[in-house]
Protein backbone atom coordinates (compact mmCIF):
# COMPACT_ATOMS: atom_id res chain seq x y z
CA MET A 1 -180.07 156.23 -71.26
CA LYS A 2 -176.80 157.13 -72.77
CA LYS A 3 -175.62 158.56 -69.44
CA LYS A 4 -176.61 155.32 -67.67
CA LEU A 5 -174.82 153.28 -70.29
CA ALA A 6 -171.67 155.42 -69.97
CA LEU A 7 -171.76 155.04 -66.18
CA LEU A 8 -172.15 151.28 -66.42
CA THR A 9 -169.30 151.06 -68.88
CA ALA A 10 -167.08 153.10 -66.60
CA LEU A 11 -167.98 150.94 -63.61
CA GLY A 12 -167.29 147.86 -65.68
CA LEU A 13 -163.82 149.13 -66.64
CA LEU A 14 -163.07 150.00 -62.98
CA VAL A 15 -164.05 146.48 -61.88
CA ALA A 16 -161.89 144.94 -64.61
CA VAL A 17 -158.87 147.10 -63.57
CA ILE A 18 -159.35 146.13 -59.92
CA ALA A 19 -159.65 142.46 -60.83
CA GLY A 20 -156.59 142.70 -63.03
CA CYS A 21 -154.61 144.18 -60.23
CA GLY A 22 -155.66 141.40 -57.90
CA THR A 23 -154.59 138.70 -60.38
CA ALA A 24 -151.22 140.32 -60.93
CA LYS A 25 -150.53 140.39 -57.22
CA GLU A 26 -151.45 136.71 -56.81
CA ASP A 27 -149.22 135.72 -59.74
CA THR A 28 -146.34 137.70 -58.27
CA THR A 29 -146.52 135.92 -54.96
CA SER A 30 -146.88 132.43 -56.50
CA GLY A 31 -144.07 130.14 -57.65
CA THR A 32 -145.16 130.49 -61.27
CA ALA A 33 -143.82 134.09 -61.40
CA LYS A 34 -140.28 133.29 -60.31
CA ALA A 35 -138.49 134.06 -63.52
CA ALA A 36 -138.06 137.49 -65.05
CA SER A 37 -140.79 138.83 -67.26
CA GLY A 38 -140.93 136.99 -70.58
CA THR A 39 -138.84 134.04 -69.34
CA ALA A 40 -140.49 130.62 -69.19
CA VAL A 41 -140.31 128.69 -65.94
CA LYS A 42 -140.00 124.94 -66.14
CA LYS A 43 -142.04 122.97 -63.61
CA ILE A 44 -140.14 120.12 -61.98
CA ILE A 45 -141.87 117.35 -60.06
CA VAL A 46 -139.86 116.19 -57.06
CA GLY A 47 -140.57 112.73 -55.74
CA THR A 48 -140.28 112.13 -52.02
CA GLY A 49 -141.90 110.15 -49.22
CA THR A 50 -143.79 110.78 -45.96
CA GLN A 51 -142.49 108.11 -43.68
CA PHE A 52 -138.84 109.08 -42.99
CA PRO A 53 -138.71 110.99 -39.66
CA ASN A 54 -136.94 114.33 -39.86
CA VAL A 55 -136.17 113.85 -43.59
CA CYS A 56 -139.52 113.69 -45.39
CA PHE A 57 -142.61 113.36 -43.22
CA ILE A 58 -146.01 114.88 -42.39
CA ASP A 59 -145.86 116.94 -39.27
CA GLU A 60 -148.63 117.42 -36.65
CA ASN A 61 -150.20 120.16 -38.80
CA GLY A 62 -150.46 117.92 -41.85
CA LYS A 63 -147.54 119.65 -43.56
CA LEU A 64 -144.88 117.90 -45.62
CA THR A 65 -141.53 118.87 -44.18
CA GLY A 66 -138.11 117.57 -43.08
CA TYR A 67 -134.50 117.98 -44.11
CA ASP A 68 -134.86 116.88 -47.75
CA VAL A 69 -138.11 118.76 -48.21
CA GLU A 70 -136.85 122.07 -46.76
CA LEU A 71 -133.63 121.78 -48.73
CA VAL A 72 -135.50 121.37 -51.98
CA LYS A 73 -137.58 124.44 -51.12
CA GLU A 74 -134.39 126.38 -50.49
CA LEU A 75 -132.92 125.26 -53.81
CA ASP A 76 -136.06 126.24 -55.55
CA LYS A 77 -135.64 129.86 -54.34
CA ARG A 78 -132.17 129.90 -55.87
CA LEU A 79 -133.11 128.50 -59.30
CA PRO A 80 -135.37 131.08 -60.99
CA ASP A 81 -135.74 129.08 -64.20
CA TYR A 82 -137.42 126.20 -62.33
CA GLU A 83 -140.45 125.68 -60.17
CA PHE A 84 -140.37 122.60 -57.92
CA GLU A 85 -143.49 120.77 -56.95
CA PHE A 86 -143.54 117.78 -54.58
CA GLN A 87 -145.20 114.49 -55.33
CA THR A 88 -145.28 112.09 -52.35
CA MET A 89 -145.39 108.31 -52.60
CA ASP A 90 -144.11 105.12 -51.07
CA PHE A 91 -140.32 104.80 -51.16
CA SER A 92 -140.62 101.67 -53.28
CA SER A 93 -142.41 103.63 -56.03
CA LEU A 94 -139.92 106.48 -56.37
CA LEU A 95 -137.51 105.05 -58.94
CA LEU A 96 -140.36 103.52 -60.94
CA SER A 97 -142.04 106.88 -61.04
CA LEU A 98 -138.76 108.41 -62.24
CA ASP A 99 -138.62 105.78 -64.97
CA THR A 100 -142.17 106.54 -66.12
CA LYS A 101 -141.58 110.32 -66.00
CA LYS A 102 -144.16 110.94 -63.34
CA ILE A 103 -141.48 112.75 -61.41
CA ASP A 104 -138.26 114.47 -62.48
CA PHE A 105 -135.92 113.73 -59.56
CA VAL A 106 -135.94 111.92 -56.24
CA ALA A 107 -135.17 113.58 -52.89
CA HIS A 108 -135.12 110.82 -50.26
CA GLN A 109 -131.61 110.41 -48.83
CA MET A 110 -130.52 108.37 -51.84
CA GLU A 111 -127.03 106.87 -52.19
CA LYS A 112 -125.16 105.48 -55.20
CA ASN A 113 -124.60 101.89 -55.94
CA PRO A 114 -123.42 100.23 -59.20
CA GLU A 115 -126.94 99.15 -60.18
CA ARG A 116 -128.42 102.65 -59.74
CA GLU A 117 -125.49 104.34 -61.45
CA ALA A 118 -125.98 102.14 -64.49
CA LYS A 119 -129.57 103.27 -64.86
CA TYR A 120 -129.81 106.75 -63.38
CA LEU A 121 -128.03 110.12 -63.19
CA PHE A 122 -126.88 111.43 -59.84
CA ASN A 123 -125.96 115.04 -59.17
CA LYS A 124 -122.35 115.46 -58.06
CA GLU A 125 -122.56 117.62 -54.97
CA PRO A 126 -123.68 115.61 -51.89
CA TYR A 127 -126.06 117.31 -49.48
CA SER A 128 -125.46 114.83 -46.67
CA ILE A 129 -122.31 112.79 -45.96
CA PHE A 130 -122.56 109.79 -43.67
CA LEU A 131 -119.64 107.88 -42.36
CA ASN A 132 -119.94 104.12 -41.91
CA LYS A 133 -118.44 102.90 -38.66
CA VAL A 134 -118.44 99.92 -36.34
CA VAL A 135 -121.47 99.89 -33.98
CA VAL A 136 -121.48 98.25 -30.57
CA PRO A 137 -123.35 98.57 -27.30
CA LYS A 138 -122.42 101.67 -25.25
CA THR A 139 -121.32 99.35 -22.49
CA ASN A 140 -118.77 97.63 -24.67
CA THR A 141 -115.14 98.69 -24.15
CA ASP A 142 -113.33 95.84 -25.99
CA ILE A 143 -114.21 96.76 -29.55
CA ASN A 144 -112.75 100.05 -30.81
CA SER A 145 -112.11 99.43 -34.51
CA ILE A 146 -112.85 97.03 -37.33
CA ASP A 147 -109.69 95.06 -36.48
CA ASP A 148 -111.25 94.23 -33.09
CA LEU A 149 -114.07 92.43 -34.91
CA LYS A 150 -111.81 89.51 -35.78
CA GLY A 151 -113.39 86.34 -34.43
CA LYS A 152 -116.61 88.26 -33.67
CA LYS A 153 -120.14 87.98 -35.09
CA VAL A 154 -121.20 91.02 -37.06
CA ILE A 155 -124.79 91.35 -38.33
CA THR A 156 -125.72 93.02 -41.60
CA SER A 157 -128.14 92.62 -44.56
CA ALA A 158 -126.85 90.60 -47.46
CA THR A 159 -126.95 93.26 -50.22
CA SER A 160 -126.11 96.34 -48.19
CA ASN A 161 -123.11 98.64 -48.53
CA GLU A 162 -122.25 97.60 -45.03
CA ALA A 163 -122.03 93.93 -46.09
CA TYR A 164 -119.67 94.99 -48.88
CA ILE A 165 -117.37 96.69 -46.37
CA LEU A 166 -117.22 93.53 -44.27
CA GLN A 167 -116.74 91.24 -47.27
CA GLU A 168 -113.84 93.41 -48.58
CA TYR A 169 -112.23 93.32 -45.12
CA ASN A 170 -112.52 89.49 -45.00
CA LYS A 171 -110.93 89.17 -48.44
CA LYS A 172 -107.81 90.86 -47.05
CA ASN A 173 -107.89 89.16 -43.69
CA LYS A 174 -108.64 85.50 -44.29
CA ASP A 175 -112.37 85.68 -43.39
CA ALA A 176 -111.48 86.91 -39.90
CA ILE A 177 -115.00 88.28 -39.24
CA ASN A 178 -118.02 86.04 -38.84
CA ILE A 179 -120.60 87.89 -40.94
CA VAL A 180 -124.18 87.18 -39.93
CA TYR A 181 -126.61 88.00 -42.74
CA SER A 182 -130.08 89.02 -41.79
CA ASN A 183 -133.05 90.66 -43.48
CA SER A 184 -134.85 91.25 -40.21
CA PRO A 185 -136.07 94.70 -39.16
CA SER A 186 -133.64 97.06 -37.47
CA ASN A 187 -135.20 96.57 -34.05
CA ASP A 188 -134.35 92.82 -34.23
CA ARG A 189 -130.77 93.57 -35.17
CA THR A 190 -130.49 96.03 -32.33
CA ASN A 191 -131.83 93.44 -29.90
CA GLN A 192 -129.36 90.85 -31.16
CA ILE A 193 -126.47 93.23 -30.45
CA LEU A 194 -127.81 94.27 -27.05
CA THR A 195 -128.48 90.70 -25.92
CA GLY A 196 -125.04 89.48 -27.05
CA ARG A 197 -126.20 87.08 -29.84
CA VAL A 198 -124.00 89.10 -32.18
CA ASP A 199 -121.22 91.49 -31.29
CA ALA A 200 -121.59 94.44 -33.69
CA THR A 201 -122.84 95.85 -36.93
CA ILE A 202 -121.80 98.59 -39.39
CA SER A 203 -123.85 101.77 -39.53
CA THR A 204 -123.73 105.57 -39.15
CA ASP A 205 -124.34 108.06 -36.34
CA PHE A 206 -127.31 109.34 -38.31
CA ALA A 207 -128.94 105.89 -38.56
CA LEU A 208 -128.54 105.29 -34.85
CA LYS A 209 -130.81 108.26 -34.13
CA PHE A 210 -133.76 106.47 -35.73
CA MET A 211 -133.00 102.83 -34.69
CA PRO A 212 -135.18 101.34 -31.93
CA ASN A 213 -132.88 101.41 -28.84
CA GLY A 214 -130.30 103.24 -30.93
CA ASP A 215 -129.52 105.38 -27.92
CA LYS A 216 -128.04 102.27 -26.34
CA LEU A 217 -125.54 101.86 -29.12
CA LYS A 218 -122.47 103.81 -30.20
CA THR A 219 -120.10 104.11 -33.17
CA VAL A 220 -116.40 103.49 -32.61
CA GLY A 221 -113.18 103.81 -34.50
CA ASP A 222 -112.33 105.58 -37.74
CA ALA A 223 -114.77 105.91 -40.57
CA LEU A 224 -114.69 102.81 -42.85
CA THR A 225 -116.34 104.47 -45.88
CA GLN A 226 -117.98 107.75 -46.74
CA SER A 227 -121.55 107.60 -48.02
CA ASP A 228 -122.64 110.59 -50.15
CA VAL A 229 -126.34 111.42 -50.30
CA LEU A 230 -127.50 112.76 -53.69
CA PHE A 231 -130.53 113.41 -55.85
CA VAL A 232 -131.44 110.83 -58.46
CA LEU A 233 -132.50 111.94 -61.92
CA ARG A 234 -133.03 110.43 -65.37
CA LYS A 235 -129.94 110.16 -67.67
CA ASP A 236 -131.33 112.93 -69.91
CA GLU A 237 -131.50 115.53 -67.10
CA GLN A 238 -127.89 116.65 -67.00
CA ASP A 239 -128.82 120.39 -67.21
CA LEU A 240 -131.04 120.09 -64.16
CA ALA A 241 -128.38 118.09 -62.28
CA ASP A 242 -125.84 120.78 -63.00
CA LYS A 243 -128.11 123.53 -61.75
CA LEU A 244 -128.88 121.57 -58.62
CA ASP A 245 -125.14 121.24 -58.01
CA GLU A 246 -124.71 125.00 -58.38
CA ALA A 247 -127.47 125.71 -55.89
CA ILE A 248 -126.17 123.13 -53.42
CA LYS A 249 -122.76 124.75 -53.53
CA GLU A 250 -124.43 128.10 -52.72
CA VAL A 251 -126.24 126.77 -49.66
CA LYS A 252 -123.07 125.09 -48.47
CA ALA A 253 -121.03 128.23 -48.90
CA ASP A 254 -123.41 130.55 -46.98
CA GLY A 255 -124.01 128.08 -44.15
CA THR A 256 -127.69 127.35 -44.93
CA LEU A 257 -127.15 123.59 -45.56
CA SER A 258 -125.33 123.21 -42.26
CA LYS A 259 -128.21 124.95 -40.41
CA LEU A 260 -130.79 122.71 -42.05
CA SER A 261 -128.78 119.62 -41.14
CA VAL A 262 -128.41 120.66 -37.48
CA LYS A 263 -132.14 121.60 -37.29
CA TRP A 264 -133.54 118.44 -38.81
CA LEU A 265 -130.84 115.74 -38.34
CA GLY A 266 -129.46 116.86 -35.00
CA GLN A 267 -125.94 117.68 -36.18
CA ASP A 268 -123.98 118.89 -39.19
CA PHE A 269 -123.84 115.89 -41.57
CA THR A 270 -122.78 118.00 -44.56
CA LYS A 271 -119.05 117.74 -44.29
CA SER A 272 -116.62 114.83 -44.57
CA LYS A 273 -114.49 114.17 -41.51
């Protein structure tokens, strides 16, 4: 009986050792074991969407991917003290979820504006840089700069950064541009330009890629403004913002960010021009 008991005990210990080895291997390959032994890893919930083609979307295999998503994954690899986990939701819910601490930062091609800056913290190092330019039909040869818009109809939404550009131009040029404000979808604005009801709009090369009939439009002239894309955090997350900036500088320096931009956005939108 004692021999049987000893044998069972030995077998039990062997099973426990094998099971322990299996658990250790699983922990090593998981995100929870990123930091050095004995160092706590802080979980960070990253809010993003699923409806922005090439930026944050669900692919044909049901996987969340895109430029912002893959960038966050790359930054996660370079920040051993943090573990990033995605939480997807409608775009309209992202900032509210940040307010209520359901997420820790937003990754969704976000830009600064005075209202957002008053309420939220932005990291400093942009991971995309878009240049606002005049947009006209590809067949147009008369408009080549914002000065050529004098006396023309230019469509934009009332509260957009593009509207601000046009309004500032008009302040200095005696309301030379006829600004047409519209809250209609982008396909209606495109149609208005292509049918000649208006002459132009203000946008970016990046945005044209995703506009209905955007391939029939072109940007012209010098950049009017530079629009930096950043992460949005709560005001009390300065340490995380600083770490994100360090990691973004790394992926810029080694060319990883440029490669991600070309892969997902069609060209390198990571440098000012």
